[in-house]
PDB file of N, CA and C in Angstrom:
ATOM      1  N   UNK A   1      -0.445  58.028 -23.842  1.00  0.00           N
ATOM      2  CA  UNK A   1       0.667  58.218 -23.784  1.00  0.00           C
ATOM      3  C   UNK A   1       1.066  56.454 -23.756  1.00  0.00           C
ATOM      4  N   UNK A   2       2.057  56.397 -24.484  1.00  0.00           N
ATOM      5  CA  UNK A   2       2.481  54.831 -24.770  1.00  0.00           C
ATOM      6  C   UNK A   2       3.773  54.819 -24.163  1.00  0.00           C
ATOM      7  N   UNK A   3       3.880  53.378 -23.812  1.00  0.00           N
ATOM      8  CA  UNK A   3       5.180  52.730 -22.998  1.00  0.00           C
ATOM      9  C   UNK A   3       5.683  52.089 -24.179  1.00  0.00           C
ATOM     10  N   UNK A   4       5.633  51.738 -25.355  1.00  0.00           N
ATOM     11  CA  UNK A   4       6.224  51.125 -26.487  1.00  0.00           C
ATOM     12  C   UNK A   4       7.577  51.616 -26.738  1.00  0.00           C
ATOM     13  N   UNK A   5       8.842  51.102 -26.975  1.00  0.00           N
ATOM     14  CA  UNK A   5      10.032  51.393 -27.405  1.00  0.00           C
ATOM     15  C   UNK A   5       9.822  52.404 -28.451  1.00  0.00           C
ATOM     16  N   UNK A   6       9.061  52.097 -29.656  1.00  0.00           N
ATOM     17  CA  UNK A   6       9.025  53.126 -30.742  1.00  0.00           C
ATOM     18  C   UNK A   6       8.319  54.370 -30.215  1.00  0.00           C
ATOM     19  N   UNK A   7       7.958  54.714 -29.192  1.00  0.00           N
ATOM     20  CA  UNK A   7       7.222  55.900 -28.562  1.00  0.00           C
ATOM     21  C   UNK A   7       8.562  57.316 -28.591  1.00  0.00           C
ATOM     22  N   UNK A   8       9.821  56.518 -28.099  1.00  0.00           N
ATOM     23  CA  UNK A   8      10.995  57.219 -28.177  1.00  0.00           C
ATOM     24  C   UNK A   8      11.673  57.475 -29.252  1.00  0.00           C
ATOM     25  N   UNK A   9      11.082  56.884 -30.621  1.00  0.00           N
ATOM     26  CA  UNK A   9      11.635  57.324 -31.985  1.00  0.00           C
ATOM     27  C   UNK A   9      11.234  58.775 -31.970  1.00  0.00           C
ATOM     28  N   UNK A  10      12.250  59.375 -33.225  1.00  0.00           N
ATOM     29  CA  UNK A  10      11.841  60.764 -33.650  1.00  0.00           C
ATOM     30  C   UNK A  10      10.521  60.795 -34.367  1.00  0.00           C
ATOM     31  N   UNK A  11       9.883  62.011 -34.525  1.00  0.00           N
ATOM     32  CA  UNK A  11       8.911  62.026 -35.521  1.00  0.00           C
ATOM     33  C   UNK A  11       7.403  61.819 -34.818  1.00  0.00           C
ATOM     34  N   UNK A  12       6.284  62.079 -35.443  1.00  0.00           N
ATOM     35  CA  UNK A  12       4.942  62.249 -34.871  1.00  0.00           C
ATOM     36  C   UNK A  12       4.355  63.690 -34.647  1.00  0.00           C
ATOM     37  N   UNK A  13       3.309  63.775 -34.321  1.00  0.00           N
ATOM     38  CA  UNK A  13       2.508  65.022 -34.008  1.00  0.00           C
ATOM     39  C   UNK A  13       1.856  65.197 -32.888  1.00  0.00           C
ATOM     40  N   UNK A  14       1.748  66.199 -32.512  1.00  0.00           N
ATOM     41  CA  UNK A  14       0.834  66.905 -31.542  1.00  0.00           C
ATOM     42  C   UNK A  14       0.027  67.789 -31.764  1.00  0.00           C
ATOM     43  N   UNK A  15      -1.098  68.155 -30.775  1.00  0.00           N
ATOM     44  CA  UNK A  15      -2.235  69.152 -31.120  1.00  0.00           C
ATOM     45  C   UNK A  15      -2.047  70.074 -30.044  1.00  0.00           C
ATOM     46  N   UNK A  16      -1.984  71.478 -30.527  1.00  0.00           N
ATOM     47  CA  UNK A  16      -1.827  72.604 -29.716  1.00  0.00           C
ATOM     48  C   UNK A  16      -3.204  73.379 -29.516  1.00  0.00           C
ATOM     49  N   UNK A  17      -3.725  73.439 -28.403  1.00  0.00           N
ATOM     50  CA  UNK A  17      -4.572  74.740 -28.526  1.00  0.00           C
ATOM     51  C   UNK A  17      -4.078  76.094 -28.036  1.00  0.00           C
ATOM     52  N   UNK A  18      -4.451  76.996 -28.783  1.00  0.00           N
ATOM     53  CA  UNK A  18      -3.759  78.234 -28.408  1.00  0.00           C
ATOM     54  C   UNK A  18      -3.879  78.801 -27.092  1.00  0.00           C
ATOM     55  N   UNK A  19      -4.712  78.411 -26.255  1.00  0.00           N
ATOM     56  CA  UNK A  19      -4.936  78.971 -24.887  1.00  0.00           C
ATOM     57  C   UNK A  19      -4.736  77.961 -23.683  1.00  0.00           C
ATOM     58  N   UNK A  20      -5.437  76.901 -23.958  1.00  0.00           N
ATOM     59  CA  UNK A  20      -4.950  75.732 -23.014  1.00  0.00           C
ATOM     60  C   UNK A  20      -3.798  74.778 -23.005  1.00  0.00           C
ATOM     61  N   UNK A  21      -3.073  74.888 -24.337  1.00  0.00           N
ATOM     62  CA  UNK A  21      -1.780  74.342 -24.271  1.00  0.00           C
ATOM     63  C   UNK A  21      -1.770  72.996 -25.195  1.00  0.00           C
ATOM     64  N   UNK A  22      -0.915  71.979 -24.836  1.00  0.00           N
ATOM     65  CA  UNK A  22      -0.601  70.917 -25.941  1.00  0.00           C
ATOM     66  C   UNK A  22      -1.438  69.758 -25.140  1.00  0.00           C
ATOM     67  N   UNK A  23      -2.482  69.072 -26.290  1.00  0.00           N
ATOM     68  CA  UNK A  23      -3.085  67.887 -25.988  1.00  0.00           C
ATOM     69  C   UNK A  23      -2.190  66.555 -25.250  1.00  0.00           C
ATOM     70  N   UNK A  24      -2.842  66.223 -24.140  1.00  0.00           N
ATOM     71  CA  UNK A  24      -2.258  65.228 -23.152  1.00  0.00           C
ATOM     72  C   UNK A  24      -3.066  63.817 -23.087  1.00  0.00           C
ATOM     73  N   UNK A  25      -4.123  64.045 -23.753  1.00  0.00           N
ATOM     74  CA  UNK A  25      -5.253  62.984 -23.808  1.00  0.00           C
ATOM     75  C   UNK A  25      -6.486  63.215 -23.053  1.00  0.00           C
ATOM     76  N   UNK A  26      -7.331  62.413 -23.170  1.00  0.00           N
ATOM     77  CA  UNK A  26      -8.587  62.512 -22.530  1.00  0.00           C
ATOM     78  C   UNK A  26      -9.452  61.192 -21.465  1.00  0.00           C
ATOM     79  N   UNK A  27     -10.001  61.713 -20.666  1.00  0.00           N
ATOM     80  CA  UNK A  27     -10.459  60.570 -19.836  1.00  0.00           C
ATOM     81  C   UNK A  27     -11.975  61.289 -19.351  1.00  0.00           C
ATOM     82  N   UNK A  28     -12.927  60.475 -18.893  1.00  0.00           N
ATOM     83  CA  UNK A  28     -14.186  60.812 -18.532  1.00  0.00           C
ATOM     84  C   UNK A  28     -15.033  61.892 -19.469  1.00  0.00           C
ATOM     85  N   UNK A  29     -14.469  61.714 -20.520  1.00  0.00           N
ATOM     86  CA  UNK A  29     -15.327  63.097 -21.604  1.00  0.00           C
ATOM     87  C   UNK A  29     -14.618  64.448 -21.463  1.00  0.00           C
ATOM     88  N   UNK A  30     -13.356  64.372 -20.931  1.00  0.00           N
ATOM     89  CA  UNK A  30     -12.590  65.485 -20.474  1.00  0.00           C
ATOM     90  C   UNK A  30     -11.322  65.421 -21.278  1.00  0.00           C
ATOM     91  N   UNK A  31     -10.968  66.467 -22.327  1.00  0.00           N
ATOM     92  CA  UNK A  31      -9.522  66.671 -22.766  1.00  0.00           C
ATOM     93  C   UNK A  31      -8.875  67.327 -21.597  1.00  0.00           C
ATOM     94  N   UNK A  32      -7.601  66.709 -21.661  1.00  0.00           N
ATOM     95  CA  UNK A  32      -6.424  67.430 -20.791  1.00  0.00           C
ATOM     96  C   UNK A  32      -5.258  67.908 -21.525  1.00  0.00           C
ATOM     97  N   UNK A  33      -5.138  69.157 -21.231  1.00  0.00           N
ATOM     98  CA  UNK A  33      -4.026  70.026 -21.902  1.00  0.00           C
ATOM     99  C   UNK A  33      -2.937  70.430 -21.025  1.00  0.00           C
ATOM    100  N   UNK A  34      -1.499  70.170 -21.541  1.00  0.00           N
ATOM    101  CA  UNK A  34      -0.666  70.817 -20.676  1.00  0.00           C
ATOM    102  C   UNK A  34      -0.420  72.128 -21.396  1.00  0.00           C
ATOM    103  N   UNK A  35      -0.084  73.225 -20.367  1.00  0.00           N
ATOM    104  CA  UNK A  35       0.307  73.267 -18.772  1.00  0.00           C
ATOM    105  C   UNK A  35      -1.339  73.405 -18.019  1.00  0.00           C
ATOM    106  N   UNK A  36      -2.140  73.779 -18.725  1.00  0.00           N
ATOM    107  CA  UNK A  36      -3.663  73.996 -18.283  1.00  0.00           C
ATOM    108  C   UNK A  36      -4.010  72.838 -17.080  1.00  0.00           C
ATOM    109  N   UNK A  37      -3.939  71.686 -17.390  1.00  0.00           N
ATOM    110  CA  UNK A  37      -4.111  70.572 -16.872  1.00  0.00           C
ATOM    111  C   UNK A  37      -3.472  70.196 -15.611  1.00  0.00           C
ATOM    112  N   UNK A  38      -2.631  70.820 -15.166  1.00  0.00           N
ATOM    113  CA  UNK A  38      -1.785  70.845 -13.774  1.00  0.00           C
ATOM    114  C   UNK A  38      -1.381  69.270 -13.731  1.00  0.00           C
ATOM    115  N   UNK A  39      -1.436  68.345 -14.615  1.00  0.00           N
ATOM    116  CA  UNK A  39      -0.999  67.050 -14.342  1.00  0.00           C
ATOM    117  C   UNK A  39       0.338  66.808 -15.722  1.00  0.00           C
ATOM    118  N   UNK A  40       1.337  67.427 -15.329  1.00  0.00           N
ATOM    119  CA  UNK A  40       2.497  67.137 -16.679  1.00  0.00           C
ATOM    120  C   UNK A  40       3.047  65.970 -16.452  1.00  0.00           C
ATOM    121  N   UNK A  41       2.909  65.028 -15.308  1.00  0.00           N
ATOM    122  CA  UNK A  41       3.399  63.806 -15.256  1.00  0.00           C
ATOM    123  C   UNK A  41       2.713  63.020 -16.331  1.00  0.00           C
ATOM    124  N   UNK A  42       1.760  63.423 -17.020  1.00  0.00           N
ATOM    125  CA  UNK A  42       1.023  62.427 -17.806  1.00  0.00           C
ATOM    126  C   UNK A  42       1.768  62.697 -19.604  1.00  0.00           C
ATOM    127  N   UNK A  43       2.508  63.705 -19.343  1.00  0.00           N
ATOM    128  CA  UNK A  43       3.362  63.644 -20.874  1.00  0.00           C
ATOM    129  C   UNK A  43       2.345  64.342 -21.910  1.00  0.00           C
ATOM    130  N   UNK A  44       2.809  64.296 -22.821  1.00  0.00           N
ATOM    131  CA  UNK A  44       2.186  64.760 -24.258  1.00  0.00           C
ATOM    132  C   UNK A  44       1.393  63.754 -25.190  1.00  0.00           C
ATOM    133  N   UNK A  45       0.542  63.754 -25.869  1.00  0.00           N
ATOM    134  CA  UNK A  45      -0.158  62.914 -26.513  1.00  0.00           C
ATOM    135  C   UNK A  45       0.528  62.998 -27.810  1.00  0.00           C
ATOM    136  N   UNK A  46       0.826  61.624 -28.227  1.00  0.00           N
ATOM    137  CA  UNK A  46       1.781  61.690 -29.758  1.00  0.00           C
ATOM    138  C   UNK A  46       0.904  61.082 -30.527  1.00  0.00           C
ATOM    139  N   UNK A  47       0.785  61.565 -31.948  1.00  0.00           N
ATOM    140  CA  UNK A  47       0.136  61.022 -32.784  1.00  0.00           C
ATOM    141  C   UNK A  47       1.007  60.544 -34.078  1.00  0.00           C
ATOM    142  N   UNK A  48       0.665  59.079 -34.602  1.00  0.00           N
ATOM    143  CA  UNK A  48       1.781  58.879 -35.613  1.00  0.00           C
ATOM    144  C   UNK A  48       1.633  59.533 -36.792  1.00  0.00           C
ATOM    145  N   UNK A  49       0.529  60.065 -37.085  1.00  0.00           N
ATOM    146  CA  UNK A  49       0.510  60.431 -38.482  1.00  0.00           C
ATOM    147  C   UNK A  49      -0.336  61.787 -38.262  1.00  0.00           C
ATOM    148  N   UNK A  50      -0.216  62.865 -39.204  1.00  0.00           N
ATOM    149  CA  UNK A  50      -0.914  64.048 -39.099  1.00  0.00           C
ATOM    150  C   UNK A  50      -2.163  64.081 -39.433  1.00  0.00           C
ATOM    151  N   UNK A  51      -2.553  62.990 -40.279  1.00  0.00           N
ATOM    152  CA  UNK A  51      -4.023  62.608 -40.407  1.00  0.00           C
ATOM    153  C   UNK A  51      -4.957  62.122 -38.981  1.00  0.00           C
ATOM    154  N   UNK A  52      -4.008  61.447 -38.176  1.00  0.00           N
ATOM    155  CA  UNK A  52      -4.740  61.439 -36.766  1.00  0.00           C
ATOM    156  C   UNK A  52      -4.778  62.591 -36.046  1.00  0.00           C
ATOM    157  N   UNK A  53      -3.769  63.628 -36.164  1.00  0.00           N
ATOM    158  CA  UNK A  53      -3.818  64.597 -35.046  1.00  0.00           C
ATOM    159  C   UNK A  53      -4.985  65.541 -35.613  1.00  0.00           C
ATOM    160  N   UNK A  54      -5.330  65.470 -37.047  1.00  0.00           N
ATOM    161  CA  UNK A  54      -6.446  66.181 -37.772  1.00  0.00           C
ATOM    162  C   UNK A  54      -7.867  65.461 -37.338  1.00  0.00           C
ATOM    163  N   UNK A  55      -7.926  64.349 -37.381  1.00  0.00           N
ATOM    164  CA  UNK A  55      -9.031  63.583 -36.728  1.00  0.00           C
ATOM    165  C   UNK A  55      -9.417  63.856 -35.405  1.00  0.00           C
ATOM    166  N   UNK A  56      -8.534  63.983 -34.609  1.00  0.00           N
ATOM    167  CA  UNK A  56      -8.998  64.859 -33.171  1.00  0.00           C
ATOM    168  C   UNK A  56      -9.156  65.915 -33.375  1.00  0.00           C
ATOM    169  N   UNK A  57      -8.880  66.772 -33.906  1.00  0.00           N
ATOM    170  CA  UNK A  57      -9.552  68.307 -34.246  1.00  0.00           C
ATOM    171  C   UNK A  57     -10.638  68.137 -34.495  1.00  0.00           C
ATOM    172  N   UNK A  58     -10.826  67.396 -35.718  1.00  0.00           N
ATOM    173  CA  UNK A  58     -12.447  67.466 -36.239  1.00  0.00           C
ATOM    174  C   UNK A  58     -13.594  66.888 -35.121  1.00  0.00           C
ATOM    175  N   UNK A  59     -13.050  66.122 -34.279  1.00  0.00           N
ATOM    176  CA  UNK A  59     -13.758  65.569 -33.320  1.00  0.00           C
ATOM    177  C   UNK A  59     -14.125  66.514 -31.984  1.00  0.00           C
ATOM    178  N   UNK A  60     -12.749  67.153 -31.839  1.00  0.00           N
ATOM    179  CA  UNK A  60     -13.156  68.267 -30.858  1.00  0.00           C
ATOM    180  C   UNK A  60     -13.833  69.498 -31.172  1.00  0.00           C
ATOM    181  N   UNK A  61     -14.057  69.571 -32.681  1.00  0.00           N
ATOM    182  CA  UNK A  61     -14.880  70.759 -33.247  1.00  0.00           C
ATOM    183  C   UNK A  61     -15.880  70.179 -33.844  1.00  0.00           C
ATOM    184  N   UNK A  62     -16.612  68.863 -33.325  1.00  0.00           N
ATOM    185  CA  UNK A  62     -17.797  68.559 -33.901  1.00  0.00           C
ATOM    186  C   UNK A  62     -19.091  68.506 -32.823  1.00  0.00           C
ATOM    187  N   UNK A  63     -20.062  68.215 -33.198  1.00  0.00           N
ATOM    188  CA  UNK A  63     -21.340  68.257 -32.214  1.00  0.00           C
ATOM    189  C   UNK A  63     -21.083  67.118 -31.339  1.00  0.00           C
ATOM    190  N   UNK A  64     -20.203  66.112 -31.806  1.00  0.00           N
ATOM    191  CA  UNK A  64     -20.558  64.734 -31.095  1.00  0.00           C
ATOM    192  C   UNK A  64     -19.538  65.048 -29.814  1.00  0.00           C
ATOM    193  N   UNK A  65     -18.587  66.397 -29.596  1.00  0.00           N
ATOM    194  CA  UNK A  65     -17.901  66.379 -28.257  1.00  0.00           C
ATOM    195  C   UNK A  65     -18.898  67.424 -27.561  1.00  0.00           C
ATOM    196  N   UNK A  66     -18.938  67.265 -26.350  1.00  0.00           N
ATOM    197  CA  UNK A  66     -19.738  67.607 -25.113  1.00  0.00           C
ATOM    198  C   UNK A  66     -19.474  69.033 -25.184  1.00  0.00           C
ATOM    199  N   UNK A  67     -18.240  69.991 -25.380  1.00  0.00           N
ATOM    200  CA  UNK A  67     -18.277  71.026 -25.431  1.00  0.00           C
ATOM    201  C   UNK A  67     -17.061  71.296 -26.722  1.00  0.00           C
ATOM    202  N   UNK A  68     -17.696  71.724 -27.826  1.00  0.00           N
ATOM    203  CA  UNK A  68     -16.954  71.834 -28.851  1.00  0.00           C
ATOM    204  C   UNK A  68     -16.043  72.977 -29.095  1.00  0.00           C
ATOM    205  N   UNK A  69     -14.970  72.891 -29.429  1.00  0.00           N
ATOM    206  CA  UNK A  69     -13.838  73.956 -29.592  1.00  0.00           C
ATOM    207  C   UNK A  69     -13.831  74.804 -31.041  1.00  0.00           C
ATOM    208  N   UNK A  70     -13.448  75.824 -31.057  1.00  0.00           N
ATOM    209  CA  UNK A  70     -13.217  76.641 -32.352  1.00  0.00           C
ATOM    210  C   UNK A  70     -12.206  76.041 -32.796  1.00  0.00           C
ATOM    211  N   UNK A  71     -12.449  75.634 -34.222  1.00  0.00           N
ATOM    212  CA  UNK A  71     -11.221  74.959 -34.972  1.00  0.00           C
ATOM    213  C   UNK A  71     -10.032  76.070 -35.182  1.00  0.00           C
ATOM    214  N   UNK A  72     -10.323  77.220 -34.964  1.00  0.00           N
ATOM    215  CA  UNK A  72      -9.044  78.155 -35.319  1.00  0.00           C
ATOM    216  C   UNK A  72      -8.295  78.249 -34.405  1.00  0.00           C
ATOM    217  N   UNK A  73      -8.759  77.720 -32.916  1.00  0.00           N
ATOM    218  CA  UNK A  73      -7.790  77.619 -31.655  1.00  0.00           C
ATOM    219  C   UNK A  73      -6.971  76.561 -31.796  1.00  0.00           C
ATOM    220  N   UNK A  74      -6.945  75.583 -32.756  1.00  0.00           N
ATOM    221  CA  UNK A  74      -6.107  74.200 -32.777  1.00  0.00           C
ATOM    222  C   UNK A  74      -5.043  74.080 -33.853  1.00  0.00           C
ATOM    223  N   UNK A  75      -3.931  73.694 -33.517  1.00  0.00           N
ATOM    224  CA  UNK A  75      -3.188  73.311 -34.892  1.00  0.00           C
ATOM    225  C   UNK A  75      -2.329  72.207 -34.450  1.00  0.00           C
ATOM    226  N   UNK A  76      -2.108  71.616 -35.561  1.00  0.00           N
ATOM    227  CA  UNK A  76      -1.182  70.515 -35.667  1.00  0.00           C
ATOM    228  C   UNK A  76       0.566  70.548 -35.822  1.00  0.00           C
ATOM    229  N   UNK A  77       1.328  70.247 -34.914  1.00  0.00           N
ATOM    230  CA  UNK A  77       2.708  70.588 -35.192  1.00  0.00           C
ATOM    231  C   UNK A  77       3.406  69.408 -34.820  1.00  0.00           C
ATOM    232  N   UNK A  78       4.810  69.411 -35.086  1.00  0.00           N
ATOM    233  CA  UNK A  78       5.630  68.262 -34.738  1.00  0.00           C
ATOM    234  C   UNK A  78       5.537  67.829 -33.358  1.00  0.00           C
ATOM    235  N   UNK A  79       5.722  66.581 -33.072  1.00  0.00           N
ATOM    236  CA  UNK A  79       5.952  66.110 -31.728  1.00  0.00           C
ATOM    237  C   UNK A  79       7.102  66.743 -31.016  1.00  0.00           C
ATOM    238  N   UNK A  80       6.847  67.295 -29.910  1.00  0.00           N
ATOM    239  CA  UNK A  80       8.342  67.659 -28.840  1.00  0.00           C
ATOM    240  C   UNK A  80       8.371  66.539 -27.792  1.00  0.00           C
ATOM    241  N   UNK A  81       8.970  65.503 -28.550  1.00  0.00           N
ATOM    242  CA  UNK A  81       9.902  64.403 -27.704  1.00  0.00           C
ATOM    243  C   UNK A  81      10.543  64.601 -26.205  1.00  0.00           C
ATOM    244  N   UNK A  82      11.447  65.892 -26.717  1.00  0.00           N
ATOM    245  CA  UNK A  82      12.220  66.251 -25.606  1.00  0.00           C
ATOM    246  C   UNK A  82      11.311  66.920 -24.446  1.00  0.00           C
ATOM    247  N   UNK A  83      10.182  67.697 -24.778  1.00  0.00           N
ATOM    248  CA  UNK A  83       9.118  68.134 -23.827  1.00  0.00           C
ATOM    249  C   UNK A  83       8.636  67.242 -22.851  1.00  0.00           C
ATOM    250  N   UNK A  84       8.256  66.279 -24.038  1.00  0.00           N
ATOM    251  CA  UNK A  84       7.602  65.086 -23.396  1.00  0.00           C
ATOM    252  C   UNK A  84       8.439  64.538 -22.251  1.00  0.00           C
ATOM    253  N   UNK A  85       9.595  63.869 -22.695  1.00  0.00           N
ATOM    254  CA  UNK A  85      10.752  63.303 -22.029  1.00  0.00           C
ATOM    255  C   UNK A  85      10.828  64.111 -20.758  1.00  0.00           C
ATOM    256  N   UNK A  86      10.946  65.553 -20.489  1.00  0.00           N
ATOM    257  CA  UNK A  86      11.192  66.350 -19.328  1.00  0.00           C
ATOM    258  C   UNK A  86       9.985  66.175 -18.627  1.00  0.00           C
ATOM    259  N   UNK A  87       8.839  66.302 -19.208  1.00  0.00           N
ATOM    260  CA  UNK A  87       7.479  66.117 -18.193  1.00  0.00           C
ATOM    261  C   UNK A  87       7.482  65.086 -17.274  1.00  0.00           C
ATOM    262  N   UNK A  88       7.559  63.843 -17.972  1.00  0.00           N
ATOM    263  CA  UNK A  88       7.571  62.541 -17.264  1.00  0.00           C
ATOM    264  C   UNK A  88       8.615  62.178 -16.469  1.00  0.00           C
ATOM    265  N   UNK A  89       9.917  63.034 -16.722  1.00  0.00           N
ATOM    266  CA  UNK A  89      10.890  62.611 -15.643  1.00  0.00           C
ATOM    267  C   UNK A  89      10.859  63.810 -14.676  1.00  0.00           C
ATOM    268  N   UNK A  90      10.503  65.038 -14.847  1.00  0.00           N
ATOM    269  CA  UNK A  90      10.483  65.781 -13.661  1.00  0.00           C
ATOM    270  C   UNK A  90       9.068  65.493 -12.944  1.00  0.00           C
ATOM    271  N   UNK A  91       8.001  64.668 -13.565  1.00  0.00           N
ATOM    272  CA  UNK A  91       7.055  64.945 -12.552  1.00  0.00           C
ATOM    273  C   UNK A  91       6.513  63.447 -12.813  1.00  0.00           C
ATOM    274  N   UNK A  92       7.279  62.168 -12.150  1.00  0.00           N
ATOM    275  CA  UNK A  92       7.254  61.152 -12.199  1.00  0.00           C
ATOM    276  C   UNK A  92       5.697  60.594 -11.436  1.00  0.00           C
ATOM    277  N   UNK A  93       5.077  59.648 -12.105  1.00  0.00           N
ATOM    278  CA  UNK A  93       3.580  59.246 -11.569  1.00  0.00           C
ATOM    279  C   UNK A  93       4.024  57.945 -10.382  1.00  0.00           C
ATOM    280  N   UNK A  94       3.655  58.100  -8.967  1.00  0.00           N
ATOM    281  CA  UNK A  94       3.934  57.272  -8.093  1.00  0.00           C
ATOM    282  C   UNK A  94       3.619  55.640  -8.583  1.00  0.00           C
ATOM    283  N   UNK A  95       4.432  54.713  -8.410  1.00  0.00           N
ATOM    284  CA  UNK A  95       4.134  53.428  -8.909  1.00  0.00           C
ATOM    285  C   UNK A  95       2.823  53.240  -7.983  1.00  0.00           C
ATOM    286  N   UNK A  96       1.990  52.102  -8.301  1.00  0.00           N
ATOM    287  CA  UNK A  96       0.831  51.673  -7.643  1.00  0.00           C
ATOM    288  C   UNK A  96       1.590  50.555  -6.393  1.00  0.00           C
ATOM    289  N   UNK A  97       2.694  50.307  -7.074  1.00  0.00           N
ATOM    290  CA  UNK A  97       3.242  49.422  -5.794  1.00  0.00           C
ATOM    291  C   UNK A  97       3.739  49.795  -4.560  1.00  0.00           C
ATOM    292  N   UNK A  98       3.910  51.045  -4.638  1.00  0.00           N
ATOM    293  CA  UNK A  98       4.609  52.069  -3.655  1.00  0.00           C
ATOM    294  C   UNK A  98       3.558  52.959  -3.002  1.00  0.00           C
ATOM    295  N   UNK A  99       2.166  52.551  -3.177  1.00  0.00           N
ATOM    296  CA  UNK A  99       1.239  53.499  -2.629  1.00  0.00           C
ATOM    297  C   UNK A  99       0.957  52.434  -1.385  1.00  0.00           C
ATOM    298  N   UNK A 100       0.585  52.951  -0.152  1.00  0.00           N
ATOM    299  CA  UNK A 100       0.537  52.634   0.858  1.00  0.00           C
ATOM    300  C   UNK A 100      -1.061  51.809   0.969  1.00  0.00           C
ATOM    301  N   UNK A 101      -1.008  50.783   1.757  1.00  0.00           N
ATOM    302  CA  UNK A 101      -2.013  49.872   1.584  1.00  0.00           C
ATOM    303  C   UNK A 101      -3.462  50.275   2.399  1.00  0.00           C
TER     304      UNK A 101
END
Protein backbone atom coordinates (compact mmCIF):
# COMPACT_ATOMS: atom_id res chain seq x y z
CA UNK A 1 0.00 0.00 0.00
CA UNK A 2 1.43 3.33 -1.00
CA UNK A 3 0.87 6.71 0.58
CA UNK A 4 1.91 8.74 -2.48
CA UNK A 5 -0.74 11.09 -3.95
CA UNK A 6 -0.89 9.11 -7.20
CA UNK A 7 -2.32 6.17 -5.25
CA UNK A 8 -5.66 7.98 -5.27
CA UNK A 9 -5.82 8.32 -9.05
CA UNK A 10 -8.15 6.04 -11.02
CA UNK A 11 -6.77 2.97 -12.75
CA UNK A 12 -4.54 0.14 -11.70
CA UNK A 13 -5.09 -3.56 -11.13
CA UNK A 14 -5.56 -5.99 -8.26
CA UNK A 15 -5.20 -9.74 -7.91
CA UNK A 16 -8.09 -11.82 -6.60
CA UNK A 17 -8.00 -15.38 -5.32
CA UNK A 18 -11.41 -16.98 -5.83
CA UNK A 19 -11.47 -18.38 -2.28
CA UNK A 20 -9.16 -16.17 -0.18
CA UNK A 21 -10.08 -12.74 -1.56
CA UNK A 22 -8.11 -9.74 -2.86
CA UNK A 23 -4.34 -9.58 -2.46
CA UNK A 24 -3.22 -7.06 0.17
CA UNK A 25 0.53 -7.64 0.14
CA UNK A 26 2.95 -10.03 1.77
CA UNK A 27 5.24 -10.20 4.76
CA UNK A 28 7.38 -12.92 6.33
CA UNK A 29 6.84 -15.07 3.21
CA UNK A 30 3.07 -15.01 3.69
CA UNK A 31 0.53 -13.48 1.32
CA UNK A 32 -2.34 -11.58 2.91
CA UNK A 33 -5.80 -11.55 1.31
CA UNK A 34 -8.90 -9.51 2.13
CA UNK A 35 -11.15 -10.61 3.78
CA UNK A 36 -9.49 -13.85 4.88
CA UNK A 37 -6.49 -12.07 6.46
CA UNK A 38 -8.71 -10.32 9.02
CA UNK A 39 -6.55 -7.22 8.49
CA UNK A 40 -8.77 -4.86 6.47
CA UNK A 41 -6.84 -1.83 7.73
CA UNK A 42 -4.06 -2.62 5.27
CA UNK A 43 -6.34 -2.04 2.29
CA UNK A 44 -5.79 -3.57 -1.13
CA UNK A 45 -2.54 -3.90 -3.08
CA UNK A 46 -2.56 -1.85 -6.27
CA UNK A 47 -0.49 -2.71 -9.34
CA UNK A 48 0.25 0.04 -11.86
CA UNK A 49 0.12 -2.28 -14.83
CA UNK A 50 -1.63 -5.51 -15.69
CA UNK A 51 1.80 -7.03 -16.39
CA UNK A 52 2.87 -6.38 -12.77
CA UNK A 53 -0.25 -8.12 -11.48
CA UNK A 54 0.39 -11.11 -13.76
CA UNK A 55 4.02 -11.21 -12.54
CA UNK A 56 2.72 -11.67 -8.98
CA UNK A 57 0.48 -14.51 -10.16
CA UNK A 58 3.46 -16.10 -11.91
CA UNK A 59 5.41 -15.96 -8.65
CA UNK A 60 2.55 -17.24 -6.47
CA UNK A 61 2.14 -20.25 -8.78
CA UNK A 62 5.85 -21.02 -9.13
CA UNK A 63 8.16 -23.38 -7.30
CA UNK A 64 9.85 -20.29 -5.76
CA UNK A 65 6.72 -19.73 -3.65
CA UNK A 66 6.68 -21.62 -0.34
CA UNK A 67 3.13 -22.86 -0.95
CA UNK A 68 2.35 -22.45 -4.67
CA UNK A 69 -1.23 -21.64 -5.61
CA UNK A 70 -3.35 -22.94 -8.47
CA UNK A 71 -3.22 -20.45 -11.36
CA UNK A 72 -6.91 -21.16 -12.08
CA UNK A 73 -7.84 -19.65 -8.70
CA UNK A 74 -6.26 -16.26 -9.48
CA UNK A 75 -7.50 -13.42 -11.67
CA UNK A 76 -6.43 -9.87 -12.46
CA UNK A 77 -9.17 -7.26 -12.25
CA UNK A 78 -9.45 -3.46 -12.21
CA UNK A 79 -8.35 -1.90 -8.91
CA UNK A 80 -11.24 -1.10 -6.55
CA UNK A 81 -10.18 2.28 -5.16
CA UNK A 82 -13.55 2.73 -3.45
CA UNK A 83 -13.17 -0.56 -1.54
CA UNK A 84 -9.56 0.29 -0.62
CA UNK A 85 -10.55 3.72 0.73
CA UNK A 86 -13.47 2.21 2.67
CA UNK A 87 -11.20 -0.37 4.33
CA UNK A 88 -8.50 2.08 5.43
CA UNK A 89 -11.12 4.60 6.62
CA UNK A 90 -13.29 2.11 8.52
CA UNK A 91 -10.30 0.26 10.01
CA UNK A 92 -7.54 2.84 10.58
CA UNK A 93 -4.17 1.68 11.86
CA UNK A 94 -3.25 3.24 15.21
CA UNK A 95 -0.44 5.73 14.93
CA UNK A 96 2.88 4.69 16.44
CA UNK A 97 2.90 8.08 18.21
CA UNK A 98 -0.34 7.18 20.00
CA UNK A 99 0.90 3.85 21.33
CA UNK A 100 1.47 3.76 25.08
CA UNK A 101 5.15 3.68 26.13
